[in-house]
Protein backbone atom coordinates (compact mmCIF):
# COMPACT_ATOMS: atom_id res chain seq x y z
CA UNK A 1 0.00 0.00 0.00
CA UNK A 2 1.25 3.46 -0.86
CA UNK A 3 -0.11 6.43 1.08
CA UNK A 4 0.32 10.11 0.35
CA UNK A 5 -1.95 11.79 2.78
CA UNK A 6 -5.34 11.80 4.37
CA UNK A 7 -6.02 10.46 7.83
CA UNK A 8 -8.43 7.89 6.41
CA UNK A 9 -5.43 5.73 5.52
CA UNK A 10 -4.34 5.07 9.11
CA UNK A 11 -6.82 2.26 9.88
CA UNK A 12 -6.26 0.38 6.58
CA UNK A 13 -2.49 0.74 7.09
CA UNK A 14 -2.75 -0.80 10.56
CA UNK A 15 -4.80 -3.69 9.21
CA UNK A 16 -2.33 -4.30 6.39
CA UNK A 17 0.58 -4.32 8.85
CA UNK A 18 -1.26 -6.94 10.92
CA UNK A 19 -1.40 -9.23 7.89
CA UNK A 20 2.27 -8.59 7.02
CA UNK A 21 1.76 -6.38 3.96
CA UNK A 22 4.16 -3.56 3.14
CA UNK A 23 3.09 0.02 3.84
CA UNK A 24 4.84 3.04 2.29
CA UNK A 25 4.05 6.64 3.15
CA UNK A 26 5.15 9.70 1.17
CA UNK A 27 4.87 12.94 3.14
CA UNK A 28 3.40 15.87 1.25
CA UNK A 29 5.90 18.12 -0.58
CA UNK A 30 4.36 21.25 0.97
CA UNK A 31 5.58 20.25 4.45
CA UNK A 32 8.79 22.03 5.48
CA UNK A 33 8.87 22.58 9.25
CA UNK A 34 6.28 20.22 10.63
CA UNK A 35 4.81 16.95 9.51
CA UNK A 36 1.14 16.37 8.81
CA UNK A 37 -1.04 14.60 11.37
CA UNK A 38 -1.13 11.55 9.11
CA UNK A 39 2.64 11.67 8.68
CA UNK A 40 3.17 11.77 12.44
CA UNK A 41 1.17 8.54 12.80
CA UNK A 42 2.33 6.82 9.62
CA UNK A 43 5.98 7.35 10.58
CA UNK A 44 5.50 4.56 13.14
CA UNK A 45 3.29 2.35 10.96
CA UNK A 46 4.97 2.51 7.54
CA UNK A 47 7.76 0.17 6.46
CA UNK A 48 9.25 3.02 4.43
CA UNK A 49 8.60 6.70 5.06
CA UNK A 50 9.64 9.22 2.40
CA UNK A 51 9.98 12.98 2.80
CA UNK A 52 10.33 15.46 -0.03
CA UNK A 53 12.07 18.23 1.93
CA UNK A 54 15.43 17.78 3.69
CA UNK A 55 14.29 19.88 6.65
CA UNK A 56 11.89 17.09 7.68
CA UNK A 57 14.79 14.68 8.21
CA UNK A 58 15.36 16.38 11.58
CA UNK A 59 11.80 15.55 12.61
CA UNK A 60 11.79 12.06 11.07
CA UNK A 61 15.36 10.70 11.41
CA UNK A 62 14.57 7.29 9.89
CA UNK A 63 12.84 8.84 6.87
CA UNK A 64 14.21 8.59 3.36
CA UNK A 65 14.79 11.87 1.53
CA UNK A 66 13.58 11.42 -2.03
CA UNK A 67 13.56 14.95 -3.40
CA UNK A 68 10.44 16.09 -5.23
CA UNK A 69 8.30 13.32 -6.64
PDB file of N, CA and C in Angstrom:
ATOM      1  N   UNK A   1       0.844  -1.167   0.000  1.00  0.00           N
ATOM      2  CA  UNK A   1       0.000   0.000   0.000  1.00  0.00           C
ATOM      3  C   UNK A   1       0.894   1.237   0.000  1.00  0.00           C
ATOM      4  N   UNK A   2       0.546   2.187  -0.816  1.00  0.00           N
ATOM      5  CA  UNK A   2       1.252   3.462  -0.861  1.00  0.00           C
ATOM      6  C   UNK A   2       0.287   4.548  -0.429  1.00  0.00           C
ATOM      7  N   UNK A   3       0.712   5.358   0.541  1.00  0.00           N
ATOM      8  CA  UNK A   3      -0.111   6.429   1.076  1.00  0.00           C
ATOM      9  C   UNK A   3       0.576   7.765   0.832  1.00  0.00           C
ATOM     10  N   UNK A   4      -0.223   8.772   0.515  1.00  0.00           N
ATOM     11  CA  UNK A   4       0.322  10.112   0.351  1.00  0.00           C
ATOM     12  C   UNK A   4      -0.393  11.149   1.197  1.00  0.00           C
ATOM     13  N   UNK A   5      -1.292  10.722   2.042  1.00  0.00           N
ATOM     14  CA  UNK A   5      -1.950  11.789   2.780  1.00  0.00           C
ATOM     15  C   UNK A   5      -3.035  11.393   3.732  1.00  0.00           C
ATOM     16  N   UNK A   6      -4.213  11.709   3.449  1.00  0.00           N
ATOM     17  CA  UNK A   6      -5.343  11.795   4.366  1.00  0.00           C
ATOM     18  C   UNK A   6      -5.363  10.800   5.516  1.00  0.00           C
ATOM     19  N   UNK A   7      -5.938  11.260   6.627  1.00  0.00           N
ATOM     20  CA  UNK A   7      -6.021  10.461   7.833  1.00  0.00           C
ATOM     21  C   UNK A   7      -6.824   9.185   7.683  1.00  0.00           C
ATOM     22  N   UNK A   8      -7.623   9.106   6.633  1.00  0.00           N
ATOM     23  CA  UNK A   8      -8.428   7.895   6.412  1.00  0.00           C
ATOM     24  C   UNK A   8      -7.551   6.663   6.187  1.00  0.00           C
ATOM     25  N   UNK A   9      -6.311   6.845   5.847  1.00  0.00           N
ATOM     26  CA  UNK A   9      -5.427   5.732   5.515  1.00  0.00           C
ATOM     27  C   UNK A   9      -4.865   5.027   6.755  1.00  0.00           C
ATOM     28  N   UNK A  10      -4.965   5.619   7.901  1.00  0.00           N
ATOM     29  CA  UNK A  10      -4.337   5.069   9.107  1.00  0.00           C
ATOM     30  C   UNK A  10      -4.903   3.690   9.471  1.00  0.00           C
ATOM     31  N   UNK A  11      -6.213   3.547   9.507  1.00  0.00           N
ATOM     32  CA  UNK A  11      -6.824   2.259   9.876  1.00  0.00           C
ATOM     33  C   UNK A  11      -6.489   1.170   8.854  1.00  0.00           C
ATOM     34  N   UNK A  12      -6.667   1.412   7.540  1.00  0.00           N
ATOM     35  CA  UNK A  12      -6.265   0.375   6.580  1.00  0.00           C
ATOM     36  C   UNK A  12      -4.781   0.021   6.680  1.00  0.00           C
ATOM     37  N   UNK A  13      -3.934   1.012   6.958  1.00  0.00           N
ATOM     38  CA  UNK A  13      -2.495   0.740   7.092  1.00  0.00           C
ATOM     39  C   UNK A  13      -2.228  -0.168   8.285  1.00  0.00           C
ATOM     40  N   UNK A  14      -2.910   0.065   9.388  1.00  0.00           N
ATOM     41  CA  UNK A  14      -2.754  -0.804  10.563  1.00  0.00           C
ATOM     42  C   UNK A  14      -3.191  -2.234  10.259  1.00  0.00           C
ATOM     43  N   UNK A  15      -4.300  -2.359   9.568  1.00  0.00           N
ATOM     44  CA  UNK A  15      -4.804  -3.689   9.208  1.00  0.00           C
ATOM     45  C   UNK A  15      -3.810  -4.402   8.295  1.00  0.00           C
ATOM     46  N   UNK A  16      -3.291  -3.690   7.308  1.00  0.00           N
ATOM     47  CA  UNK A  16      -2.326  -4.298   6.395  1.00  0.00           C
ATOM     48  C   UNK A  16      -1.051  -4.716   7.118  1.00  0.00           C
ATOM     49  N   UNK A  17      -0.605  -3.935   8.081  1.00  0.00           N
ATOM     50  CA  UNK A  17       0.577  -4.315   8.850  1.00  0.00           C
ATOM     51  C   UNK A  17       0.319  -5.592   9.652  1.00  0.00           C
ATOM     52  N   UNK A  18      -0.907  -5.736  10.156  1.00  0.00           N
ATOM     53  CA  UNK A  18      -1.256  -6.939  10.921  1.00  0.00           C
ATOM     54  C   UNK A  18      -1.205  -8.204  10.074  1.00  0.00           C
ATOM     55  N   UNK A  19      -1.444  -8.055   8.767  1.00  0.00           N
ATOM     56  CA  UNK A  19      -1.399  -9.233   7.888  1.00  0.00           C
ATOM     57  C   UNK A  19      -0.101  -9.260   7.063  1.00  0.00           C
ATOM     58  N   UNK A  20       0.916  -8.578   7.591  1.00  0.00           N
ATOM     59  CA  UNK A  20       2.271  -8.591   7.018  1.00  0.00           C
ATOM     60  C   UNK A  20       2.379  -8.078   5.585  1.00  0.00           C
ATOM     61  N   UNK A  21       1.632  -7.039   5.267  1.00  0.00           N
ATOM     62  CA  UNK A  21       1.761  -6.376   3.965  1.00  0.00           C
ATOM     63  C   UNK A  21       2.597  -5.113   4.137  1.00  0.00           C
ATOM     64  N   UNK A  22       3.305  -4.741   3.098  1.00  0.00           N
ATOM     65  CA  UNK A  22       4.162  -3.556   3.140  1.00  0.00           C
ATOM     66  C   UNK A  22       3.338  -2.279   3.054  1.00  0.00           C
ATOM     67  N   UNK A  23       3.749  -1.282   3.831  1.00  0.00           N
ATOM     68  CA  UNK A  23       3.090   0.023   3.842  1.00  0.00           C
ATOM     69  C   UNK A  23       4.158   1.086   3.604  1.00  0.00           C
ATOM     70  N   UNK A  24       3.917   1.946   2.632  1.00  0.00           N
ATOM     71  CA  UNK A  24       4.843   3.036   2.292  1.00  0.00           C
ATOM     72  C   UNK A  24       4.072   4.345   2.396  1.00  0.00           C
ATOM     73  N   UNK A  25       4.682   5.332   3.043  1.00  0.00           N
ATOM     74  CA  UNK A  25       4.048   6.644   3.147  1.00  0.00           C
ATOM     75  C   UNK A  25       4.975   7.688   2.541  1.00  0.00           C
ATOM     76  N   UNK A  26       4.414   8.582   1.762  1.00  0.00           N
ATOM     77  CA  UNK A  26       5.153   9.699   1.169  1.00  0.00           C
ATOM     78  C   UNK A  26       4.559  10.985   1.728  1.00  0.00           C
ATOM     79  N   UNK A  27       5.347  11.690   2.526  1.00  0.00           N
ATOM     80  CA  UNK A  27       4.873  12.937   3.139  1.00  0.00           C
ATOM     81  C   UNK A  27       4.736  14.015   2.062  1.00  0.00           C
ATOM     82  N   UNK A  28       3.737  14.832   2.209  1.00  0.00           N
ATOM     83  CA  UNK A  28       3.398  15.872   1.249  1.00  0.00           C
ATOM     84  C   UNK A  28       4.577  16.824   1.015  1.00  0.00           C
ATOM     85  N   UNK A  29       4.789  17.237  -0.223  1.00  0.00           N
ATOM     86  CA  UNK A  29       5.898  18.119  -0.583  1.00  0.00           C
ATOM     87  C   UNK A  29       5.772  19.502   0.044  1.00  0.00           C
ATOM     88  N   UNK A  30       4.556  19.902   0.420  1.00  0.00           N
ATOM     89  CA  UNK A  30       4.359  21.248   0.971  1.00  0.00           C
ATOM     90  C   UNK A  30       4.731  21.343   2.449  1.00  0.00           C
ATOM     91  N   UNK A  31       5.171  20.246   3.040  1.00  0.00           N
ATOM     92  CA  UNK A  31       5.575  20.253   4.450  1.00  0.00           C
ATOM     93  C   UNK A  31       7.062  20.570   4.549  1.00  0.00           C
ATOM     94  N   UNK A  32       7.397  21.631   5.314  1.00  0.00           N
ATOM     95  CA  UNK A  32       8.794  22.028   5.480  1.00  0.00           C
ATOM     96  C   UNK A  32       9.247  21.937   6.927  1.00  0.00           C
ATOM     97  N   UNK A  33       8.461  22.509   7.841  1.00  0.00           N
ATOM     98  CA  UNK A  33       8.869  22.583   9.248  1.00  0.00           C
ATOM     99  C   UNK A  33       8.204  21.553  10.139  1.00  0.00           C
ATOM    100  N   UNK A  34       6.995  21.189   9.794  1.00  0.00           N
ATOM    101  CA  UNK A  34       6.283  20.218  10.634  1.00  0.00           C
ATOM    102  C   UNK A  34       5.594  19.199   9.741  1.00  0.00           C
ATOM    103  N   UNK A  35       5.472  18.001  10.259  1.00  0.00           N
ATOM    104  CA  UNK A  35       4.806  16.953   9.507  1.00  0.00           C
ATOM    105  C   UNK A  35       3.295  17.062   9.631  1.00  0.00           C
ATOM    106  N   UNK A  36       2.602  16.415   8.743  1.00  0.00           N
ATOM    107  CA  UNK A  36       1.143  16.373   8.814  1.00  0.00           C
ATOM    108  C   UNK A  36       0.722  15.435   9.935  1.00  0.00           C
ATOM    109  N   UNK A  37      -0.533  15.513  10.344  1.00  0.00           N
ATOM    110  CA  UNK A  37      -1.041  14.603  11.373  1.00  0.00           C
ATOM    111  C   UNK A  37      -0.882  13.158  10.901  1.00  0.00           C
ATOM    112  N   UNK A  38      -1.249  12.907   9.663  1.00  0.00           N
ATOM    113  CA  UNK A  38      -1.126  11.553   9.114  1.00  0.00           C
ATOM    114  C   UNK A  38       0.323  11.112   9.089  1.00  0.00           C
ATOM    115  N   UNK A  39       1.222  11.998   8.708  1.00  0.00           N
ATOM    116  CA  UNK A  39       2.640  11.675   8.677  1.00  0.00           C
ATOM    117  C   UNK A  39       3.177  11.318  10.053  1.00  0.00           C
ATOM    118  N   UNK A  40       2.720  12.034  11.074  1.00  0.00           N
ATOM    119  CA  UNK A  40       3.173  11.767  12.440  1.00  0.00           C
ATOM    120  C   UNK A  40       2.780  10.365  12.886  1.00  0.00           C
ATOM    121  N   UNK A  41       1.622   9.890  12.442  1.00  0.00           N
ATOM    122  CA  UNK A  41       1.169   8.543  12.795  1.00  0.00           C
ATOM    123  C   UNK A  41       1.806   7.505  11.880  1.00  0.00           C
ATOM    124  N   UNK A  42       1.815   7.791  10.587  1.00  0.00           N
ATOM    125  CA  UNK A  42       2.327   6.821   9.617  1.00  0.00           C
ATOM    126  C   UNK A  42       3.825   6.588   9.759  1.00  0.00           C
ATOM    127  N   UNK A  43       4.549   7.523  10.351  1.00  0.00           N
ATOM    128  CA  UNK A  43       5.978   7.348  10.582  1.00  0.00           C
ATOM    129  C   UNK A  43       6.241   6.064  11.380  1.00  0.00           C
ATOM    130  N   UNK A  44       5.340   5.752  12.300  1.00  0.00           N
ATOM    131  CA  UNK A  44       5.498   4.564  13.143  1.00  0.00           C
ATOM    132  C   UNK A  44       4.875   3.311  12.528  1.00  0.00           C
ATOM    133  N   UNK A  45       3.987   3.484  11.574  1.00  0.00           N
ATOM    134  CA  UNK A  45       3.290   2.349  10.956  1.00  0.00           C
ATOM    135  C   UNK A  45       3.991   1.875   9.685  1.00  0.00           C
ATOM    136  N   UNK A  46       4.454   2.825   8.877  1.00  0.00           N
ATOM    137  CA  UNK A  46       4.972   2.510   7.542  1.00  0.00           C
ATOM    138  C   UNK A  46       6.302   1.758   7.591  1.00  0.00           C
ATOM    139  N   UNK A  47       6.483   0.854   6.627  1.00  0.00           N
ATOM    140  CA  UNK A  47       7.756   0.166   6.461  1.00  0.00           C
ATOM    141  C   UNK A  47       8.800   1.132   5.909  1.00  0.00           C
ATOM    142  N   UNK A  48       8.378   1.985   4.992  1.00  0.00           N
ATOM    143  CA  UNK A  48       9.249   3.020   4.428  1.00  0.00           C
ATOM    144  C   UNK A  48       8.491   4.341   4.486  1.00  0.00           C
ATOM    145  N   UNK A  49       9.199   5.384   4.897  1.00  0.00           N
ATOM    146  CA  UNK A  49       8.604   6.702   5.061  1.00  0.00           C
ATOM    147  C   UNK A  49       9.468   7.694   4.291  1.00  0.00           C
ATOM    148  N   UNK A  50       8.907   8.297   3.266  1.00  0.00           N
ATOM    149  CA  UNK A  50       9.643   9.219   2.404  1.00  0.00           C
ATOM    150  C   UNK A  50       9.250  10.661   2.704  1.00  0.00           C
ATOM    151  N   UNK A  51      10.242  11.551   2.702  1.00  0.00           N
ATOM    152  CA  UNK A  51       9.984  12.985   2.803  1.00  0.00           C
ATOM    153  C   UNK A  51      10.528  13.648   1.549  1.00  0.00           C
ATOM    154  N   UNK A  52       9.923  14.773   1.187  1.00  0.00           N
ATOM    155  CA  UNK A  52      10.326  15.460  -0.035  1.00  0.00           C
ATOM    156  C   UNK A  52      11.079  16.761   0.249  1.00  0.00           C
ATOM    157  N   UNK A  53      11.307  17.053   1.534  1.00  0.00           N
ATOM    158  CA  UNK A  53      12.073  18.229   1.927  1.00  0.00           C
ATOM    159  C   UNK A  53      13.097  17.815   2.976  1.00  0.00           C
ATOM    160  N   UNK A  54      14.352  18.195   2.781  1.00  0.00           N
ATOM    161  CA  UNK A  54      15.428  17.784   3.689  1.00  0.00           C
ATOM    162  C   UNK A  54      15.195  18.241   5.125  1.00  0.00           C
ATOM    163  N   UNK A  55      14.509  19.360   5.299  1.00  0.00           N
ATOM    164  CA  UNK A  55      14.292  19.880   6.653  1.00  0.00           C
ATOM    165  C   UNK A  55      13.478  18.907   7.518  1.00  0.00           C
ATOM    166  N   UNK A  56      12.684  18.048   6.904  1.00  0.00           N
ATOM    167  CA  UNK A  56      11.889  17.092   7.677  1.00  0.00           C
ATOM    168  C   UNK A  56      12.722  15.922   8.201  1.00  0.00           C
ATOM    169  N   UNK A  57      13.935  15.765   7.708  1.00  0.00           N
ATOM    170  CA  UNK A  57      14.785  14.682   8.206  1.00  0.00           C
ATOM    171  C   UNK A  57      15.137  14.883   9.678  1.00  0.00           C
ATOM    172  N   UNK A  58      15.116  16.123  10.155  1.00  0.00           N
ATOM    173  CA  UNK A  58      15.356  16.378  11.575  1.00  0.00           C
ATOM    174  C   UNK A  58      14.192  15.861  12.417  1.00  0.00           C
ATOM    175  N   UNK A  59      12.993  15.998  11.895  1.00  0.00           N
ATOM    176  CA  UNK A  59      11.803  15.554  12.614  1.00  0.00           C
ATOM    177  C   UNK A  59      11.608  14.047  12.489  1.00  0.00           C
ATOM    178  N   UNK A  60      11.952  13.493  11.331  1.00  0.00           N
ATOM    179  CA  UNK A  60      11.792  12.059  11.065  1.00  0.00           C
ATOM    180  C   UNK A  60      13.162  11.464  10.713  1.00  0.00           C
ATOM    181  N   UNK A  61      13.990  11.143  11.690  1.00  0.00           N
ATOM    182  CA  UNK A  61      15.364  10.699  11.408  1.00  0.00           C
ATOM    183  C   UNK A  61      15.475   9.412  10.587  1.00  0.00           C
ATOM    184  N   UNK A  62      14.494   8.531  10.663  1.00  0.00           N
ATOM    185  CA  UNK A  62      14.571   7.288   9.890  1.00  0.00           C
ATOM    186  C   UNK A  62      13.935   7.414   8.511  1.00  0.00           C
ATOM    187  N   UNK A  63      13.483   8.615   8.169  1.00  0.00           N
ATOM    188  CA  UNK A  63      12.843   8.837   6.872  1.00  0.00           C
ATOM    189  C   UNK A  63      13.874   8.782   5.751  1.00  0.00           C
ATOM    190  N   UNK A  64      13.378   8.614   4.561  1.00  0.00           N
ATOM    191  CA  UNK A  64      14.212   8.586   3.363  1.00  0.00           C
ATOM    192  C   UNK A  64      13.920   9.859   2.573  1.00  0.00           C
ATOM    193  N   UNK A  65      14.970  10.665   2.341  1.00  0.00           N
ATOM    194  CA  UNK A  65      14.786  11.869   1.527  1.00  0.00           C
ATOM    195  C   UNK A  65      14.784  11.461   0.071  1.00  0.00           C
ATOM    196  N   UNK A  66      13.719  11.834  -0.637  1.00  0.00           N
ATOM    197  CA  UNK A  66      13.582  11.421  -2.028  1.00  0.00           C
ATOM    198  C   UNK A  66      13.601  12.584  -3.001  1.00  0.00           C
ATOM    199  N   UNK A  67      13.691  13.806  -2.510  1.00  0.00           N
ATOM    200  CA  UNK A  67      13.556  14.954  -3.396  1.00  0.00           C
ATOM    201  C   UNK A  67      12.093  15.077  -3.806  1.00  0.00           C
ATOM    202  N   UNK A  68      11.821  15.898  -4.766  1.00  0.00           N
ATOM    203  CA  UNK A  68      10.444  16.091  -5.228  1.00  0.00           C
ATOM    204  C   UNK A  68      10.009  14.930  -6.095  1.00  0.00           C
ATOM    205  N   UNK A  69       8.841  14.420  -5.826  1.00  0.00           N
ATOM    206  CA  UNK A  69       8.298  13.322  -6.637  1.00  0.00           C
ATOM    207  C   UNK A  69       7.296  13.834  -7.635  1.00  0.00           C
TER     208      UNK A  69
END
